């Protein structure tokens, strides 16, 4: 891959709005998880809810897009001066030369859930004010974002469960390599809804306490919500000292099981190998791995085997999901931001809530934050059905 510049980044999760609170929480190994009191949910689980989403008002001209997912998208887009950076990019490249490639898993499904409660008692018809196309539809978040900025380039939503907003980086790089676009607004948004919370609970994948990635006593995920975005542009000859580059992307599909990874992590390993090859790097060139690390017994064991087989025990790694929860379709983009912060500020985040490491997973897993120079990172995102993506990021040399 020809390296691409992540010229602007932002992330909004339960840790806070923007990069500053995200960095502070990750560096201090803090967690934003709390016991679930979302909507009408009555489950003994923990969640990562973003404060203030319900108070967000969409512009009047975009009111038909109103749903929790798009309100969260707007909250994230307006953090860290990101919206201004996108508008500036539209001015530089033109509205037809910028792509919008975003990831989500459930999109605005909460809007459907709320509408379903108000269906006609006789006919079962949904209320007239429910607009599927611009809320529940998976494309909704890209359509909203495209209209918000007046962008007329290609717009795509990737919905491959938890790998969604990692795969958008790979998709954007291909579009740029083909000459379809000159820049891309990439990222992911996923918001809390009842379907996700009750669905994961029915699969017995949720935990009654904050999730504990790679812990010997881990017993499930904590679902979170989040919005992460990046502006991808071609790198110039002169870059700032804190410039972060996308160096490589690797994808695979092991299709082992609908909701469980291959027990040996074969698809995960293939995605990591392809990302390294795409970046023309070896395992020894990576200074930190942001693991998918959901805190389910099967996921952490399989990913741990794959990482150990490829990297040995020499590369520091951790999961940031103990801090943010599992933000599902937004996880890839949120964790790209975590890696960018590590690269810019020279720290490897410890793993919030993890206490006793699983002795069966032989990795250099970080319980506490470690400081020092970080040149290159790899981040993993693995979704249901065996949809895997790994990305390599690095500082400008």
Protein backbone atom coordinates (compact mmCIF):
# COMPACT_ATOMS: atom_id res chain seq x y z
CA UNK A 1 0.00 0.00 0.00
CA UNK A 2 1.07 3.56 -0.67
CA UNK A 3 0.89 5.11 2.82
CA UNK A 4 -2.08 7.38 3.41
CA UNK A 5 -2.19 10.29 5.84
CA UNK A 6 -4.77 10.33 8.62
CA UNK A 7 -4.84 14.11 8.48
CA UNK A 8 -7.58 14.48 11.10
CA UNK A 9 -9.01 12.11 13.70
CA UNK A 10 -11.68 12.10 16.34
CA UNK A 11 -13.38 9.62 18.67
CA UNK A 12 -16.39 9.88 20.95
CA UNK A 13 -17.27 7.09 23.40
CA UNK A 14 -18.32 6.68 27.00
CA UNK A 15 -14.84 8.01 27.85
CA UNK A 16 -15.84 11.43 26.53
CA UNK A 17 -16.19 13.52 23.44
CA UNK A 18 -13.01 13.90 21.42
CA UNK A 19 -9.39 12.84 21.63
CA UNK A 20 -8.40 14.67 24.82
CA UNK A 21 -10.66 12.75 27.23
CA UNK A 22 -9.99 9.55 25.27
CA UNK A 23 -6.24 9.96 25.70
CA UNK A 24 -6.54 10.81 29.39
CA UNK A 25 -8.70 7.77 30.12
CA UNK A 26 -6.54 5.35 28.14
CA UNK A 27 -3.31 6.65 29.65
CA UNK A 28 -4.75 6.49 33.18
CA UNK A 29 -6.36 3.07 32.54
CA UNK A 30 -9.80 4.45 33.39
CA UNK A 31 -13.10 2.90 32.32
CA UNK A 32 -16.31 4.59 31.22
CA UNK A 33 -18.49 1.52 31.77
CA UNK A 34 -21.46 1.52 34.14
CA UNK A 35 -24.35 -0.75 35.03
CA UNK A 36 -27.04 -0.72 32.37
CA UNK A 37 -29.96 1.65 32.82
CA UNK A 38 -30.49 2.30 29.12
CA UNK A 39 -34.03 2.89 27.92
CA UNK A 40 -36.33 0.07 29.14
CA UNK A 41 -33.60 -2.57 29.30
CA UNK A 42 -33.74 -4.78 32.39
CA UNK A 43 -30.58 -6.82 32.22
CA UNK A 44 -27.72 -7.34 34.67
CA UNK A 45 -25.06 -6.07 32.27
CA UNK A 46 -22.65 -3.15 31.96
CA UNK A 47 -22.60 -0.70 29.07
CA UNK A 48 -20.59 2.16 27.63
CA UNK A 49 -23.15 4.91 27.00
CA UNK A 50 -22.19 8.27 25.48
CA UNK A 51 -23.63 11.15 27.52
CA UNK A 52 -25.75 13.77 25.82
CA UNK A 53 -26.82 11.89 22.69
CA UNK A 54 -30.53 12.42 23.35
CA UNK A 55 -30.02 16.20 23.57
CA UNK A 56 -28.38 16.50 20.13
CA UNK A 57 -30.48 18.30 17.53
CA UNK A 58 -29.90 17.64 13.84
CA UNK A 59 -30.03 20.61 11.45
CA UNK A 60 -33.63 21.31 10.40
CA UNK A 61 -32.86 20.43 6.78
CA UNK A 62 -31.73 16.96 7.91
CA UNK A 63 -34.55 16.27 10.38
CA UNK A 64 -35.69 13.19 8.43
CA UNK A 65 -32.39 11.55 9.45
CA UNK A 66 -33.14 11.92 13.15
CA UNK A 67 -32.28 8.79 15.12
CA UNK A 68 -29.87 7.94 17.92
CA UNK A 69 -27.21 6.71 15.51
CA UNK A 70 -27.15 9.92 13.46
CA UNK A 71 -27.29 12.10 16.56
CA UNK A 72 -24.23 10.23 17.84
CA UNK A 73 -22.60 10.67 14.43
CA UNK A 74 -23.14 14.44 14.59
CA UNK A 75 -21.80 14.61 18.14
CA UNK A 76 -18.66 12.83 16.99
CA UNK A 77 -18.22 14.77 13.75
CA UNK A 78 -18.29 18.08 15.59
CA UNK A 79 -15.53 17.09 18.04
CA UNK A 80 -11.84 18.00 17.64
CA UNK A 81 -12.59 20.43 14.78
CA UNK A 82 -13.22 17.43 12.54
CA UNK A 83 -16.23 18.90 10.72
CA UNK A 84 -14.22 22.01 9.86
CA UNK A 85 -11.41 19.83 8.51
CA UNK A 86 -13.87 17.98 6.27
CA UNK A 87 -15.30 21.24 4.94
CA UNK A 88 -11.78 22.45 4.21
CA UNK A 89 -11.06 19.22 2.34
CA UNK A 90 -14.21 19.70 0.25
CA UNK A 91 -12.87 23.13 -0.64
CA UNK A 92 -9.49 21.69 -1.67
CA UNK A 93 -10.64 18.65 -3.63
CA UNK A 94 -14.18 19.42 -4.68
CA UNK A 95 -17.38 17.79 -3.45
CA UNK A 96 -17.22 14.98 -6.03
CA UNK A 97 -13.66 13.90 -5.21
CA UNK A 98 -14.25 12.93 -1.57
CA UNK A 99 -15.70 9.58 -0.56
CA UNK A 100 -17.76 8.76 2.51
CA UNK A 101 -17.05 5.20 3.66
CA UNK A 102 -18.48 4.38 7.08
CA UNK A 103 -19.16 1.28 9.15
CA UNK A 104 -22.09 0.35 11.38
CA UNK A 105 -23.74 -2.84 12.57
CA UNK A 106 -27.22 -1.88 13.79
CA UNK A 107 -27.51 1.63 12.33
CA UNK A 108 -30.69 3.35 13.59
CA UNK A 109 -32.50 0.24 14.72
CA UNK A 110 -33.54 1.91 17.97
CA UNK A 111 -35.77 4.18 15.88
CA UNK A 112 -37.57 1.09 14.59
CA UNK A 113 -37.89 -0.29 18.11
CA UNK A 114 -39.46 2.95 19.33
CA UNK A 115 -41.77 3.08 16.31
CA UNK A 116 -42.84 -0.53 16.86
CA UNK A 117 -44.21 0.40 20.28
CA UNK A 118 -46.49 2.93 18.57
CA UNK A 119 -47.77 0.68 15.79
CA UNK A 120 -51.50 0.74 15.01
CA UNK A 121 -53.35 -1.54 17.41
CA UNK A 122 -55.63 -2.81 14.67
CA UNK A 123 -53.49 -3.02 11.54
CA UNK A 124 -50.04 -3.24 13.07
CA UNK A 125 -48.89 -0.42 10.76
CA UNK A 126 -45.89 1.59 11.90
CA UNK A 127 -46.48 5.30 12.62
CA UNK A 128 -46.32 7.71 9.70
CA UNK A 129 -43.39 9.64 11.20
CA UNK A 130 -41.10 6.60 11.05
CA UNK A 131 -38.82 6.87 7.99
CA UNK A 132 -36.93 3.62 7.45
CA UNK A 133 -34.74 4.91 4.60
CA UNK A 134 -33.04 7.67 6.58
CA UNK A 135 -32.95 6.07 10.04
CA UNK A 136 -32.95 2.27 10.32
CA UNK A 137 -31.47 1.59 6.88
CA UNK A 138 -27.79 0.65 7.15
CA UNK A 139 -26.92 3.37 4.61
CA UNK A 140 -28.53 6.04 6.80
CA UNK A 141 -25.34 7.24 8.51
CA UNK A 142 -23.49 7.68 5.21
CA UNK A 143 -26.45 9.45 3.62
CA UNK A 144 -26.70 11.77 6.61
CA UNK A 145 -22.97 12.53 6.65
CA UNK A 146 -22.88 13.06 2.89
CA UNK A 147 -25.73 15.56 3.04
CA UNK A 148 -24.30 17.30 6.09
CA UNK A 149 -21.13 18.21 4.20
CA UNK A 150 -22.57 18.46 0.69
CA UNK A 151 -20.28 15.66 -0.53
CA UNK A 152 -21.16 14.08 -3.88
CA UNK A 153 -18.43 11.44 -4.18
CA UNK A 154 -18.95 7.70 -3.61
CA UNK A 155 -20.78 6.88 -0.38
CA UNK A 156 -20.70 3.37 1.07
CA UNK A 157 -21.61 1.70 4.35
CA UNK A 158 -19.77 -1.45 5.38
CA UNK A 159 -21.76 -3.66 7.74
CA UNK A 160 -19.68 -6.70 8.64
CA UNK A 161 -20.44 -6.68 12.36
CA UNK A 162 -17.45 -5.77 14.54
CA UNK A 163 -14.95 -5.41 11.68
CA UNK A 164 -17.11 -2.81 9.89
CA UNK A 165 -15.21 0.38 10.62
CA UNK A 166 -11.79 -1.22 10.22
CA UNK A 167 -12.66 -2.46 6.74
CA UNK A 168 -13.63 1.06 5.65
CA UNK A 169 -9.95 2.04 5.76
CA UNK A 170 -9.11 -0.77 3.35
CA UNK A 171 -12.04 0.13 1.09
CA UNK A 172 -11.04 3.80 1.01
CA UNK A 173 -7.43 2.97 0.18
CA UNK A 174 -8.59 0.93 -2.82
CA UNK A 175 -10.82 3.75 -4.05
CA UNK A 176 -7.94 6.19 -3.78
CA UNK A 177 -5.53 3.80 -5.51
CA UNK A 178 -8.02 3.46 -8.38
CA UNK A 179 -8.25 7.23 -8.74
CA UNK A 180 -11.97 7.37 -7.88
CA UNK A 181 -11.41 9.86 -5.07
CA UNK A 182 -8.67 12.10 -3.69
CA UNK A 183 -9.69 11.90 -0.03
CA UNK A 184 -12.07 9.92 2.14
CA UNK A 185 -14.09 10.51 5.25
CA UNK A 186 -13.93 7.12 6.96
CA UNK A 187 -15.05 5.81 10.30
CA UNK A 188 -17.87 4.13 12.12
CA UNK A 189 -20.89 4.80 14.30
CA UNK A 190 -22.87 2.35 16.40
CA UNK A 191 -25.41 3.25 19.07
CA UNK A 192 -27.09 1.38 21.86
CA UNK A 193 -30.37 -0.34 21.15
CA UNK A 194 -32.49 -3.06 22.71
CA UNK A 195 -31.89 -5.56 19.91
CA UNK A 196 -28.15 -5.54 20.53
CA UNK A 197 -28.35 -5.72 24.31
CA UNK A 198 -30.95 -8.46 24.46
CA UNK A 199 -29.45 -10.26 21.47
CA UNK A 200 -25.94 -10.57 22.90
CA UNK A 201 -27.44 -11.47 26.26
CA UNK A 202 -29.44 -14.30 24.63
CA UNK A 203 -26.18 -15.63 23.17
CA UNK A 204 -24.77 -15.66 26.71
CA UNK A 205 -21.97 -13.33 25.63
CA UNK A 206 -22.57 -10.46 28.08
CA UNK A 207 -21.04 -10.13 31.53
CA UNK A 208 -22.72 -9.05 34.80
CA UNK A 209 -19.70 -6.88 35.59
CA UNK A 210 -17.39 -4.61 33.56
CA UNK A 211 -15.72 -6.67 30.84
CA UNK A 212 -12.22 -8.01 31.60
CA UNK A 213 -10.32 -8.69 28.36
CA UNK A 214 -7.76 -11.51 28.53
CA UNK A 215 -8.48 -12.05 32.22
CA UNK A 216 -8.38 -15.61 33.51
CA UNK A 217 -11.91 -15.05 34.83
CA UNK A 218 -13.36 -13.16 31.86
CA UNK A 219 -16.95 -14.02 31.11
CA UNK A 220 -18.32 -11.72 28.45
CA UNK A 221 -18.55 -8.35 26.75
CA UNK A 222 -19.81 -4.96 27.82
CA UNK A 223 -21.62 -3.36 24.90
CA UNK A 224 -20.77 0.25 24.20
CA UNK A 225 -21.57 2.88 21.63
CA UNK A 226 -19.24 5.24 19.83
CA UNK A 227 -18.35 7.35 16.84
CA UNK A 228 -14.87 7.41 15.36
CA UNK A 229 -13.81 9.24 12.20
CA UNK A 230 -10.68 9.93 10.18
CA UNK A 231 -9.92 12.00 7.11
CA UNK A 232 -7.69 10.04 4.75
CA UNK A 233 -5.53 11.95 2.27
CA UNK A 234 -2.45 11.19 0.21
CA UNK A 235 0.75 11.82 2.13
CA UNK A 236 2.90 14.74 1.04
CA UNK A 237 6.69 14.95 1.09
CA UNK A 238 6.60 17.21 4.14
CA UNK A 239 4.67 15.96 7.17
CA UNK A 240 4.19 17.24 10.72
CA UNK A 241 6.08 15.51 13.50
CA UNK A 242 2.90 13.96 14.86
CA UNK A 243 1.60 12.75 11.48
CA UNK A 244 0.02 9.28 11.53
CA UNK A 245 -0.09 7.10 8.41
CA UNK A 246 -2.13 4.11 7.36
CA UNK A 247 0.62 1.73 6.24
CA UNK A 248 -1.26 -1.48 5.49
CA UNK A 249 -4.55 -3.34 5.67
CA UNK A 250 -5.31 -7.05 5.73
CA UNK A 251 -8.67 -8.78 5.43
CA UNK A 252 -9.85 -12.37 5.64
CA UNK A 253 -13.01 -14.41 6.11
CA UNK A 254 -12.65 -17.72 7.89
CA UNK A 255 -16.43 -18.40 7.96
CA UNK A 256 -15.88 -20.94 10.73
CA UNK A 257 -19.09 -20.22 12.65
CA UNK A 258 -21.81 -17.57 12.71
CA UNK A 259 -20.84 -16.23 16.14
CA UNK A 260 -17.58 -17.94 17.17
CA UNK A 261 -14.05 -17.48 15.80
CA UNK A 262 -11.93 -20.33 14.49
CA UNK A 263 -10.49 -21.85 17.70
CA UNK A 264 -6.93 -21.53 16.40
CA UNK A 265 -7.52 -17.98 15.13
CA UNK A 266 -6.63 -18.92 11.55
CA UNK A 267 -8.65 -16.12 9.96
CA UNK A 268 -7.29 -13.62 12.46
CA UNK A 269 -3.71 -14.66 11.73
CA UNK A 270 -4.29 -14.40 7.97
CA UNK A 271 -5.63 -10.84 8.34
CA UNK A 272 -2.59 -9.83 10.40
CA UNK A 273 -0.17 -11.46 7.93
CA UNK A 274 -1.83 -9.66 5.03
CA UNK A 275 -1.70 -6.31 6.83
CA UNK A 276 2.02 -6.74 7.50
CA UNK A 277 2.65 -7.76 3.89
CA UNK A 278 0.64 -4.78 2.63
CA UNK A 279 2.82 -2.51 4.75
CA UNK A 280 6.02 -4.37 3.72
CA UNK A 281 6.81 -5.01 7.38
CA UNK A 282 7.65 -7.98 9.58
CA UNK A 283 6.22 -8.84 13.03
CA UNK A 284 9.39 -7.41 14.60
CA UNK A 285 8.54 -3.98 13.18
CA UNK A 286 5.37 -3.64 15.30
CA UNK A 287 5.68 -1.86 18.66
CA UNK A 288 2.12 -2.38 19.94
CA UNK A 289 -0.95 -4.45 19.08
CA UNK A 290 -4.43 -3.19 19.90
CA UNK A 291 -6.22 -6.50 20.28
CA UNK A 292 -9.84 -7.13 19.36
CA UNK A 293 -10.08 -8.42 22.93
CA UNK A 294 -13.81 -8.63 23.59
CA UNK A 295 -13.44 -10.51 26.91
CA UNK A 296 -15.40 -13.56 25.79
CA UNK A 297 -13.61 -16.85 26.54
CA UNK A 298 -13.57 -18.00 22.90
CA UNK A 299 -12.56 -14.72 21.25
CA UNK A 300 -9.61 -13.90 23.49
CA UNK A 301 -8.30 -17.47 23.39
CA UNK A 302 -8.46 -17.67 19.59
CA UNK A 303 -6.97 -14.22 19.00
CA UNK A 304 -4.29 -14.88 21.60
CA UNK A 305 -3.24 -18.05 19.79
CA UNK A 306 -3.07 -16.23 16.47
CA UNK A 307 -1.02 -13.35 17.87
CA UNK A 308 1.35 -15.65 19.73
CA UNK A 309 1.86 -17.81 16.63
CA UNK A 310 2.76 -14.78 14.50
CA UNK A 311 4.45 -12.40 16.94
CA UNK A 312 5.60 -14.62 19.76
CA UNK A 313 5.52 -13.00 23.19
CA UNK A 314 7.72 -9.99 22.43
CA UNK A 315 5.19 -7.40 21.22
CA UNK A 316 3.27 -5.45 23.90
CA UNK A 317 -0.48 -5.65 23.44
CA UNK A 318 -3.75 -4.82 25.15
CA UNK A 319 -7.45 -4.38 24.56
CA UNK A 320 -9.06 -0.99 25.11
CA UNK A 321 -12.57 -2.46 25.34
CA UNK A 322 -12.37 -2.55 29.12
CA UNK A 323 -12.38 1.25 28.87
CA UNK A 324 -14.90 1.86 26.08
CA UNK A 325 -16.92 -1.32 25.98
CA UNK A 326 -17.34 -3.12 22.68
CA UNK A 327 -18.60 -0.43 20.31
CA UNK A 328 -19.36 -3.06 17.65
CA UNK A 329 -19.44 -1.44 14.19
CA UNK A 330 -17.58 1.61 15.53
CA UNK A 331 -14.84 -0.40 17.27
CA UNK A 332 -12.38 -0.41 14.37
CA UNK A 333 -12.40 3.37 13.97
CA UNK A 334 -12.37 4.03 17.72
CA UNK A 335 -9.35 1.76 18.12
CA UNK A 336 -7.55 3.37 15.17
CA UNK A 337 -7.86 6.59 17.18
CA UNK A 338 -6.44 4.81 20.23
CA UNK A 339 -3.45 3.67 18.18
CA UNK A 340 -2.97 7.16 16.75
CA UNK A 341 -2.88 8.58 20.29
CA UNK A 342 -0.30 5.97 21.27
CA UNK A 343 1.85 6.90 18.28
CA UNK A 344 1.59 10.64 18.85
CA UNK A 345 2.05 10.68 22.61
CA UNK A 346 4.34 7.72 23.23
CA UNK A 347 2.29 5.44 25.44
CA UNK A 348 0.89 1.92 25.28
CA UNK A 349 -2.50 1.78 27.06
CA UNK A 350 -3.03 -0.65 29.88
CA UNK A 351 -6.14 -2.81 30.00
CA UNK A 352 -8.90 -1.40 32.21
CA UNK A 353 -10.66 -3.93 34.50
CA UNK A 354 -8.30 -6.81 33.66
CA UNK A 355 -6.80 -8.15 36.89
CA UNK A 356 -5.44 -11.68 36.54
CA UNK A 357 -4.03 -12.62 33.15
CA UNK A 358 -5.04 -15.90 31.59
CA UNK A 359 -1.92 -18.10 31.87
CA UNK A 360 -3.04 -20.08 28.82
CA UNK A 361 -2.51 -17.01 26.58
CA UNK A 362 1.24 -16.28 26.44
CA UNK A 363 1.35 -12.61 25.41
CA UNK A 364 3.07 -9.47 26.68
CA UNK A 365 -0.32 -8.17 27.79
CA UNK A 366 -0.32 -4.75 29.45
CA UNK A 367 -2.21 -4.27 32.69
CA UNK A 368 -0.62 -0.85 33.27
CA UNK A 369 0.25 1.87 30.78
CA UNK A 370 3.78 1.74 29.44
CA UNK A 371 5.50 4.89 28.15
CA UNK A 372 8.11 5.09 25.41
CA UNK A 373 8.55 5.67 21.71
CA UNK A 374 5.93 4.02 19.52
CA UNK A 375 6.63 3.90 15.78
CA UNK A 376 4.19 1.34 14.39
CA UNK A 377 1.03 -0.29 15.69
CA UNK A 378 -1.34 -2.99 14.52
CA UNK A 379 -5.03 -3.05 15.42
CA UNK A 380 -7.37 -6.02 15.07
CA UNK A 381 -11.12 -6.06 14.40
CA UNK A 382 -12.90 -9.40 14.04
CA UNK A 383 -16.62 -9.77 13.40
CA UNK A 384 -19.32 -12.42 13.51
CA UNK A 385 -19.18 -14.87 10.65
CA UNK A 386 -15.38 -14.70 10.56
CA UNK A 387 -15.05 -11.25 8.97
CA UNK A 388 -11.56 -10.11 9.96
CA UNK A 389 -9.53 -6.96 9.40
CA UNK A 390 -6.15 -5.79 10.67
CA UNK A 391 -4.64 -2.36 10.08
CA UNK A 392 -1.06 -1.15 10.45
CA UNK A 393 -0.49 2.47 11.45
CA UNK A 394 2.80 4.30 11.84
CA UNK A 395 4.48 7.61 12.45
CA UNK A 396 5.96 9.41 9.48
CA UNK A 397 9.63 8.47 9.12
